[in-house]
Protein backbone atom coordinates (compact mmCIF):
# COMPACT_ATOMS: atom_id res chain seq x y z
CA MET A 1 13.47 11.82 33.18
CA ASN A 2 10.14 12.19 31.41
CA ALA A 3 7.02 10.11 32.05
CA PHE A 4 7.68 7.71 29.20
CA GLU A 5 11.27 7.07 30.30
CA THR A 6 10.03 6.49 33.83
CA LEU A 7 7.43 3.94 32.76
CA ALA A 8 9.58 2.34 30.07
CA ASP A 9 11.52 0.36 32.64
CA ASP A 10 9.92 -3.08 33.01
CA THR A 11 10.34 -3.23 36.80
CA ARG A 12 8.80 0.21 37.32
CA LEU A 13 5.92 -0.70 35.06
CA GLN A 14 5.38 -3.90 37.08
CA ILE A 15 5.35 -1.84 40.28
CA VAL A 16 2.74 0.49 38.76
CA GLU A 17 0.63 -2.52 37.79
CA LEU A 18 0.84 -3.88 41.34
CA LEU A 19 -0.15 -0.52 42.81
CA ARG A 20 -3.22 -0.32 40.55
CA ARG A 21 -4.86 -2.70 43.03
CA GLY A 22 -4.16 -0.39 45.97
CA GLU A 23 -1.42 0.75 48.27
CA LEU A 24 1.30 -1.65 49.28
CA PRO A 25 4.28 -1.69 51.60
CA VAL A 26 7.73 -2.21 50.11
CA ASN A 27 7.98 -5.79 51.46
CA ASP A 28 4.82 -6.84 49.60
CA ILE A 29 6.17 -5.39 46.36
CA VAL A 30 9.50 -7.17 46.93
CA SER A 31 7.78 -10.51 47.51
CA LYS A 32 5.53 -10.18 44.45
CA LEU A 33 8.35 -9.14 42.11
CA GLN A 34 11.02 -11.31 43.67
CA ILE A 35 13.58 -8.53 43.41
CA HIS A 36 15.93 -7.39 46.18
CA GLN A 37 14.50 -4.68 48.41
CA SER A 38 17.26 -2.27 47.40
CA GLY A 39 16.20 -2.58 43.74
CA VAL A 40 12.52 -2.08 44.53
CA SER A 41 13.36 0.90 46.75
CA ARG A 42 15.41 2.48 43.95
CA HIS A 43 12.55 2.08 41.46
CA LEU A 44 10.02 3.40 43.98
CA ARG A 45 12.25 6.45 44.54
CA ILE A 46 12.30 7.12 40.78
CA LEU A 47 8.52 6.72 40.58
CA LEU A 48 8.13 8.99 43.60
CA GLU A 49 10.40 11.68 42.12
CA ALA A 50 8.47 11.50 38.83
CA GLY A 51 5.20 11.93 40.73
CA PHE A 52 3.70 8.56 39.82
CA VAL A 53 3.53 7.28 43.38
CA GLY A 54 2.90 8.74 46.78
CA VAL A 55 3.97 7.37 50.14
CA ARG A 56 2.42 7.56 53.58
CA PRO A 57 3.79 6.33 56.86
CA ASP A 58 1.84 3.66 58.74
CA GLY A 59 3.73 2.97 61.95
CA GLN A 60 7.02 1.37 60.93
CA ARG A 61 5.84 0.78 57.36
CA ARG A 62 5.71 3.08 54.39
CA LEU A 63 2.74 2.46 52.11
CA TYR A 64 3.05 3.33 48.43
CA SER A 65 0.13 4.14 46.13
CA LEU A 66 -0.42 5.59 42.68
CA ARG A 67 -1.08 9.28 42.22
CA PRO A 68 -3.61 10.11 39.48
CA GLU A 69 -2.13 13.41 38.25
CA PRO A 70 0.69 12.11 36.02
CA PHE A 71 -1.66 9.57 34.47
CA ARG A 72 -4.15 12.34 33.71
CA GLU A 73 -1.35 14.33 32.09
CA LEU A 74 -0.41 11.33 29.96
CA ASP A 75 -4.06 10.84 29.02
CA LEU A 76 -4.36 14.50 27.95
CA TRP A 77 -1.22 14.21 25.85
CA LEU A 78 -2.49 11.00 24.25
CA ALA A 79 -5.92 12.51 23.56
CA GLY A 80 -4.60 14.38 20.53
CA TYR A 81 -3.21 11.18 19.06
CA ARG A 82 -6.35 9.26 19.97
CA GLU A 83 -8.39 11.81 18.02
CA LEU A 84 -6.05 11.46 15.05
CA TRP A 85 -6.47 7.67 15.06
CA HIS A 86 -10.25 7.91 15.44
CA GLU A 87 -10.38 10.14 12.35
CA ARG A 88 -8.22 7.71 10.39
CA LEU A 89 -10.26 4.71 11.54
CA ASP A 90 -13.49 6.51 10.62
CA ARG A 91 -12.15 7.18 7.11
CA PHE A 92 -10.99 3.57 6.85
CA GLY A 93 -14.42 2.35 7.98
CA LYS A 94 -16.19 4.49 5.38
CA ALA A 95 -13.87 3.29 2.61
CA LEU A 96 -14.45 -0.32 3.69
CA GLU A 97 -18.23 0.16 3.68
CA GLN A 98 -18.07 1.65 0.15
CA LYS A 99 -15.98 -1.26 -1.06
CA GLN A 100 -18.36 -3.80 0.50
CA ARG A 101 -21.37 -2.03 -1.02
CA LYS A 102 -19.70 -2.02 -4.43
CA ARG A 103 -18.93 -5.77 -4.16
CA SER A 104 -22.47 -6.47 -3.04
CA GLN A 105 -23.90 -4.53 -5.99
CA GLU A 106 -21.56 -6.31 -8.42
CA SER A 107 -22.52 -9.68 -6.94
CA HIS A 108 -26.20 -8.84 -7.18
CA LYS A 109 -25.78 -7.80 -10.87
CA ARG A 110 -23.98 -11.09 -11.65
CA LYS A 111 -26.76 -13.12 -10.05
CA GLU A 112 -29.38 -11.25 -12.07
CA LYS A 113 -27.35 -11.77 -15.25
CA ASP A 114 -26.90 -15.51 -14.52
CA SER A 115 -30.61 -16.02 -13.83
CA CYS A 116 -31.64 -14.58 -17.21
């Protein structure tokens, strides 16, 4: 399963959002999502296998937290597309500025013509 397939599941994405605030035990995730523990555990296992979360024992509890590496990899992958969109938005911005300048010049010419 690739990173996008892993995060495409709504429950897993909700778990990731919860873990953005810091590490949590399974029971806290269960109570916040109101899903059976078995379901949360299954999604945590998938996130763990995909490298998105880490787990550390704390006595009887297991605390889950996000791991930065897969998010960095996603960011690197997206960087190429981000650059593409920045170039397109820059071209769009320049075209819009030219159009606005042209309208402004035409408006100014009409006002001069009307005042004569």
